[in-house]
Amino acid sequence: MAYVTIDGVQYEKELLELAKHHTTGRGESNLAKDEVVDLFKSANDGPGITDTELRTLRYIRETFPFTDAAADLFDAEFAKL
């Protein structure tokens, strides 16, 4: 698992790259519901979600733009963790 450090805090590189991929390119700007599903699938790729993955998901929620429906879904899924 690869990591990236932002402002002295370690995050999971794969999750950040996935969020960036979904918000850049041909007309993309906000994370949509299906992309939120992708993020949580990626975070659940092992036996459980690590503290780094939780921190990364929280960072994505605070940093990246979401559609309203995607924000609601993200918040609901994050609350289950």
N, C-alpha and C. Protein backbone atom coordinates (compact mmCIF):
# COMPACT_ATOMS: atom_id res chain seq x y z
N MET A 1 0.85 -1.18 0.00
CA MET A 1 0.00 0.00 0.00
C MET A 1 0.90 1.23 0.00
N ALA A 2 0.61 2.15 -0.88
CA ALA A 2 1.39 3.38 -0.99
C ALA A 2 0.70 4.52 -0.25
N TYR A 3 1.52 5.40 0.25
CA TYR A 3 1.01 6.53 1.02
C TYR A 3 1.53 7.84 0.44
N VAL A 4 0.83 8.91 0.76
CA VAL A 4 1.26 10.25 0.40
C VAL A 4 1.10 11.10 1.67
N THR A 5 2.02 12.02 1.86
CA THR A 5 1.96 12.89 3.03
C THR A 5 1.56 14.29 2.58
N ILE A 6 0.55 14.83 3.21
CA ILE A 6 0.06 16.18 2.92
C ILE A 6 0.05 16.93 4.24
N ASP A 7 0.77 18.04 4.28
CA ASP A 7 0.87 18.85 5.50
C ASP A 7 1.22 18.01 6.72
N GLY A 8 2.13 17.06 6.52
CA GLY A 8 2.62 16.24 7.63
C GLY A 8 1.71 15.10 8.03
N VAL A 9 0.62 14.88 7.30
CA VAL A 9 -0.33 13.81 7.62
C VAL A 9 -0.29 12.77 6.50
N GLN A 10 -0.28 11.49 6.90
CA GLN A 10 -0.20 10.40 5.93
C GLN A 10 -1.59 9.96 5.49
N TYR A 11 -1.75 9.84 4.15
CA TYR A 11 -3.01 9.39 3.54
C TYR A 11 -2.73 8.26 2.57
N GLU A 12 -3.77 7.51 2.23
CA GLU A 12 -3.62 6.43 1.25
C GLU A 12 -3.64 7.01 -0.16
N LYS A 13 -2.59 6.76 -0.87
CA LYS A 13 -2.41 7.31 -2.22
C LYS A 13 -3.50 6.84 -3.19
N GLU A 14 -3.84 5.57 -3.14
CA GLU A 14 -4.83 5.01 -4.08
C GLU A 14 -6.19 5.70 -3.96
N LEU A 15 -6.64 5.92 -2.74
CA LEU A 15 -7.93 6.59 -2.54
C LEU A 15 -7.90 8.02 -3.04
N LEU A 16 -6.81 8.72 -2.76
CA LEU A 16 -6.69 10.11 -3.23
C LEU A 16 -6.66 10.18 -4.75
N GLU A 17 -5.93 9.26 -5.36
CA GLU A 17 -5.85 9.24 -6.82
C GLU A 17 -7.21 8.90 -7.44
N LEU A 18 -7.95 8.03 -6.81
CA LEU A 18 -9.28 7.68 -7.30
C LEU A 18 -10.21 8.89 -7.23
N ALA A 19 -10.18 9.61 -6.13
CA ALA A 19 -11.01 10.81 -6.00
C ALA A 19 -10.59 11.86 -7.04
N LYS A 20 -9.30 12.03 -7.21
CA LYS A 20 -8.81 13.00 -8.19
C LYS A 20 -9.22 12.60 -9.61
N HIS A 21 -9.10 11.31 -9.92
CA HIS A 21 -9.49 10.81 -11.23
C HIS A 21 -10.97 11.10 -11.52
N HIS A 22 -11.80 10.92 -10.51
CA HIS A 22 -13.25 11.13 -10.69
C HIS A 22 -13.63 12.60 -10.75
N THR A 23 -12.73 13.51 -10.40
CA THR A 23 -13.08 14.94 -10.42
C THR A 23 -12.29 15.73 -11.45
N THR A 24 -11.54 15.04 -12.28
CA THR A 24 -10.80 15.73 -13.34
C THR A 24 -11.12 15.08 -14.68
N GLY A 25 -10.84 15.80 -15.74
CA GLY A 25 -11.10 15.25 -17.06
C GLY A 25 -12.37 15.80 -17.67
N ARG A 26 -12.83 15.16 -18.67
CA ARG A 26 -13.93 15.60 -19.51
C ARG A 26 -15.18 16.04 -18.75
N GLY A 27 -15.20 17.28 -18.36
CA GLY A 27 -16.37 17.85 -17.72
C GLY A 27 -16.61 17.43 -16.28
N GLU A 28 -15.71 16.65 -15.72
CA GLU A 28 -15.87 16.19 -14.35
C GLU A 28 -15.52 17.31 -13.38
N SER A 29 -16.26 17.41 -12.31
CA SER A 29 -15.89 18.36 -11.27
C SER A 29 -16.32 17.86 -9.90
N ASN A 30 -17.48 17.27 -9.78
CA ASN A 30 -17.99 16.79 -8.50
C ASN A 30 -18.01 15.27 -8.45
N LEU A 31 -17.76 14.72 -7.28
CA LEU A 31 -17.92 13.29 -7.10
C LEU A 31 -19.41 12.96 -7.12
N ALA A 32 -19.76 11.91 -7.85
CA ALA A 32 -21.15 11.46 -7.96
C ALA A 32 -21.36 10.22 -7.09
N LYS A 33 -22.61 9.80 -6.96
CA LYS A 33 -22.94 8.66 -6.09
C LYS A 33 -22.18 7.39 -6.47
N ASP A 34 -22.11 7.07 -7.76
CA ASP A 34 -21.40 5.84 -8.16
C ASP A 34 -19.91 5.93 -7.86
N GLU A 35 -19.37 7.13 -7.87
CA GLU A 35 -17.96 7.32 -7.56
C GLU A 35 -17.72 7.20 -6.05
N VAL A 36 -18.69 7.60 -5.26
CA VAL A 36 -18.61 7.40 -3.81
C VAL A 36 -18.59 5.90 -3.51
N VAL A 37 -19.41 5.15 -4.22
CA VAL A 37 -19.41 3.70 -4.07
C VAL A 37 -18.02 3.14 -4.38
N ASP A 38 -17.39 3.64 -5.45
CA ASP A 38 -16.04 3.21 -5.80
C ASP A 38 -15.04 3.50 -4.68
N LEU A 39 -15.14 4.66 -4.07
CA LEU A 39 -14.23 5.03 -2.99
C LEU A 39 -14.36 4.06 -1.81
N PHE A 40 -15.58 3.76 -1.43
CA PHE A 40 -15.78 2.86 -0.29
C PHE A 40 -15.39 1.43 -0.62
N LYS A 41 -15.58 1.00 -1.87
CA LYS A 41 -15.11 -0.32 -2.29
C LYS A 41 -13.59 -0.38 -2.19
N SER A 42 -12.93 0.65 -2.62
CA SER A 42 -11.47 0.69 -2.56
C SER A 42 -10.98 0.67 -1.12
N ALA A 43 -11.65 1.42 -0.26
CA ALA A 43 -11.25 1.45 1.16
C ALA A 43 -11.49 0.10 1.83
N ASN A 44 -12.47 -0.65 1.36
CA ASN A 44 -12.79 -1.96 1.94
C ASN A 44 -12.07 -3.10 1.23
N ASP A 45 -10.92 -2.83 0.67
CA ASP A 45 -10.21 -3.83 -0.12
C ASP A 45 -9.48 -4.88 0.71
N GLY A 46 -9.43 -4.72 2.00
CA GLY A 46 -8.73 -5.67 2.86
C GLY A 46 -9.67 -6.22 3.91
N PRO A 47 -9.09 -6.74 4.99
CA PRO A 47 -9.91 -7.33 6.04
C PRO A 47 -10.71 -6.29 6.84
N GLY A 48 -10.39 -5.03 6.69
CA GLY A 48 -11.10 -3.96 7.36
C GLY A 48 -10.53 -2.62 6.91
N ILE A 49 -11.18 -1.57 7.29
CA ILE A 49 -10.70 -0.24 6.91
C ILE A 49 -9.70 0.23 7.97
N THR A 50 -8.53 0.62 7.50
CA THR A 50 -7.47 1.06 8.41
C THR A 50 -7.69 2.49 8.86
N ASP A 51 -6.97 2.90 9.88
CA ASP A 51 -7.03 4.28 10.33
C ASP A 51 -6.62 5.25 9.22
N THR A 52 -5.62 4.84 8.43
CA THR A 52 -5.17 5.69 7.32
C THR A 52 -6.27 5.83 6.27
N GLU A 53 -6.97 4.76 5.99
CA GLU A 53 -8.07 4.83 5.02
C GLU A 53 -9.20 5.71 5.56
N LEU A 54 -9.52 5.59 6.83
CA LEU A 54 -10.54 6.45 7.44
C LEU A 54 -10.13 7.92 7.35
N ARG A 55 -8.88 8.19 7.69
CA ARG A 55 -8.37 9.56 7.63
C ARG A 55 -8.43 10.08 6.19
N THR A 56 -8.11 9.21 5.24
CA THR A 56 -8.13 9.61 3.83
C THR A 56 -9.55 9.89 3.36
N LEU A 57 -10.49 9.05 3.74
CA LEU A 57 -11.88 9.28 3.38
C LEU A 57 -12.37 10.61 3.97
N ARG A 58 -12.02 10.87 5.21
CA ARG A 58 -12.41 12.13 5.86
C ARG A 58 -11.80 13.32 5.10
N TYR A 59 -10.54 13.19 4.70
CA TYR A 59 -9.86 14.24 3.93
C TYR A 59 -10.56 14.46 2.59
N ILE A 60 -10.92 13.39 1.92
CA ILE A 60 -11.62 13.50 0.64
C ILE A 60 -12.95 14.23 0.83
N ARG A 61 -13.67 13.88 1.88
CA ARG A 61 -14.97 14.53 2.13
C ARG A 61 -14.82 16.02 2.38
N GLU A 62 -13.75 16.40 3.06
CA GLU A 62 -13.52 17.80 3.39
C GLU A 62 -12.90 18.60 2.25
N THR A 63 -12.27 17.92 1.30
CA THR A 63 -11.46 18.60 0.29
C THR A 63 -12.07 18.59 -1.11
N PHE A 64 -12.72 17.49 -1.48
CA PHE A 64 -13.22 17.33 -2.84
C PHE A 64 -14.69 17.75 -2.93
N PRO A 65 -15.10 18.23 -4.11
CA PRO A 65 -16.50 18.61 -4.29
C PRO A 65 -17.37 17.38 -4.58
N PHE A 66 -18.59 17.41 -4.06
CA PHE A 66 -19.55 16.32 -4.22
C PHE A 66 -20.87 16.89 -4.75
N THR A 67 -21.60 16.05 -5.49
CA THR A 67 -22.99 16.41 -5.76
C THR A 67 -23.72 16.27 -4.43
N ASP A 68 -24.89 16.87 -4.31
CA ASP A 68 -25.65 16.78 -3.06
C ASP A 68 -25.98 15.33 -2.72
N ALA A 69 -26.41 14.57 -3.72
CA ALA A 69 -26.77 13.17 -3.49
C ALA A 69 -25.55 12.35 -3.08
N ALA A 70 -24.41 12.63 -3.71
CA ALA A 70 -23.18 11.91 -3.38
C ALA A 70 -22.71 12.27 -1.97
N ALA A 71 -22.85 13.52 -1.59
CA ALA A 71 -22.46 13.94 -0.24
C ALA A 71 -23.32 13.22 0.80
N ASP A 72 -24.61 13.12 0.54
CA ASP A 72 -25.51 12.42 1.46
C ASP A 72 -25.13 10.94 1.58
N LEU A 73 -24.84 10.31 0.44
CA LEU A 73 -24.45 8.91 0.44
C LEU A 73 -23.12 8.72 1.18
N PHE A 74 -22.16 9.58 0.90
CA PHE A 74 -20.86 9.49 1.56
C PHE A 74 -21.03 9.58 3.06
N ASP A 75 -21.77 10.58 3.51
CA ASP A 75 -21.97 10.78 4.95
C ASP A 75 -22.65 9.58 5.60
N ALA A 76 -23.63 8.99 4.91
CA ALA A 76 -24.33 7.82 5.44
C ALA A 76 -23.39 6.61 5.52
N GLU A 77 -22.60 6.41 4.49
CA GLU A 77 -21.68 5.27 4.48
C GLU A 77 -20.57 5.46 5.50
N PHE A 78 -20.06 6.68 5.63
CA PHE A 78 -18.99 6.94 6.58
C PHE A 78 -19.48 6.74 8.01
N ALA A 79 -20.72 7.10 8.26
CA ALA A 79 -21.29 6.94 9.61
C ALA A 79 -21.37 5.47 10.02
N LYS A 80 -21.43 4.57 9.05
CA LYS A 80 -21.50 3.12 9.33
C LYS A 80 -20.16 2.54 9.73
N LEU A 81 -19.07 3.26 9.48
CA LEU A 81 -17.73 2.72 9.74
C LEU A 81 -17.35 2.79 11.19
